[in-house]
Amino acid sequence: MFKTTLPELIIYDLCILLGLLSMVWAVRVWQQRRRERKLMKFRVSCDVCGTVFDEFTNQPLVPCPTCGRLNERDRLLDV
């Protein structure tokens, strides 16, 4: 057995709890970013009128719902 005092035991428990909470936080942030990347894959921005819309088809040219111009799928940058 290890000899520890009560303050040391409390410090060990708090460090373990802090480590677990930081791991849970990191996993949640990773999942959220993954979901956002998935949604941005279908987002298209019109070059003429600037409308940003979602298009869930796999066509390379997508018509804008506002002005009707055909737009290429480009990767939108998150600024």
Protein backbone atom coordinates (compact mmCIF):
# COMPACT_ATOMS: atom_id res chain seq x y z
CA MET A 1 0.00 0.00 0.00
CA PHE A 2 0.99 3.56 -0.58
CA LYS A 3 1.01 6.03 2.23
CA THR A 4 -0.89 9.16 1.29
CA THR A 5 -2.40 11.93 3.27
CA LEU A 6 -5.90 13.25 2.83
CA PRO A 7 -4.82 16.44 0.96
CA GLU A 8 -2.75 14.34 -1.47
CA LEU A 9 -5.71 12.02 -2.06
CA ILE A 10 -7.97 15.00 -2.78
CA ILE A 11 -5.40 16.44 -5.22
CA TYR A 12 -5.12 13.08 -7.03
CA ASP A 13 -8.90 12.81 -7.34
CA LEU A 14 -9.21 16.36 -8.63
CA CYS A 15 -6.46 15.76 -11.22
CA ILE A 16 -8.21 12.60 -12.46
CA LEU A 17 -11.54 14.43 -12.64
CA LEU A 18 -9.95 17.34 -14.52
CA GLY A 19 -8.33 14.92 -16.98
CA LEU A 20 -11.62 13.14 -17.65
CA LEU A 21 -13.50 16.40 -18.13
CA SER A 22 -10.89 17.70 -20.57
CA MET A 23 -11.09 14.47 -22.57
CA VAL A 24 -14.89 14.71 -22.77
CA TRP A 25 -14.60 18.36 -23.84
CA ALA A 26 -12.05 17.52 -26.56
CA VAL A 27 -14.25 14.74 -27.97
CA ARG A 28 -17.30 17.04 -28.06
CA VAL A 29 -15.38 19.78 -29.88
CA TRP A 30 -14.07 17.22 -32.39
CA GLN A 31 -17.60 15.91 -33.04
CA GLN A 32 -18.99 19.41 -33.52
CA ARG A 33 -16.29 20.36 -36.02
CA ARG A 34 -16.87 17.13 -37.91
CA ARG A 35 -20.61 17.88 -38.16
CA GLU A 36 -19.91 21.44 -39.36
CA ARG A 37 -17.52 20.16 -42.05
CA LYS A 38 -20.19 17.74 -43.26
CA LEU A 39 -22.73 20.55 -43.58
CA MET A 40 -20.29 22.89 -45.34
CA LYS A 41 -19.77 20.22 -47.99
CA PHE A 42 -23.25 20.97 -49.40
CA ARG A 43 -23.19 24.76 -49.02
CA VAL A 44 -22.90 26.79 -52.24
CA SER A 45 -22.41 30.54 -52.70
CA CYS A 46 -23.61 32.38 -55.80
CA ASP A 47 -20.93 34.47 -57.51
CA VAL A 48 -23.37 37.08 -58.82
CA CYS A 49 -25.89 37.81 -56.07
CA GLY A 50 -23.96 36.38 -53.09
CA THR A 51 -26.76 34.10 -51.91
CA VAL A 52 -25.57 31.21 -49.78
CA PHE A 53 -27.73 28.09 -50.09
CA ASP A 54 -27.62 24.35 -49.46
CA GLU A 55 -27.73 21.94 -52.39
CA PHE A 56 -27.72 18.25 -51.53
CA THR A 57 -27.28 16.85 -55.06
CA ASN A 58 -23.97 15.74 -56.55
CA GLN A 59 -24.18 17.88 -59.68
CA PRO A 60 -21.05 19.91 -60.49
CA LEU A 61 -23.12 22.94 -61.63
CA VAL A 62 -25.86 24.15 -59.31
CA PRO A 63 -28.47 26.82 -60.19
CA CYS A 64 -28.91 29.69 -57.76
CA PRO A 65 -32.46 29.84 -56.35
CA THR A 66 -32.45 33.66 -56.41
CA CYS A 67 -30.96 34.67 -59.77
CA GLY A 68 -30.82 31.32 -61.60
CA ARG A 69 -27.11 31.48 -62.50
CA LEU A 70 -25.23 28.18 -62.64
CA ASN A 71 -22.51 28.00 -59.98
CA GLU A 72 -19.65 25.59 -59.53
CA ARG A 73 -19.24 23.87 -56.21
CA ASP A 74 -16.38 25.55 -54.41
CA ARG A 75 -15.25 24.98 -50.91
CA LEU A 76 -16.48 27.80 -48.69
CA LEU A 77 -13.95 29.21 -46.28
CA ASP A 78 -15.02 29.68 -42.69
CA VAL A 79 -13.84 33.18 -41.81
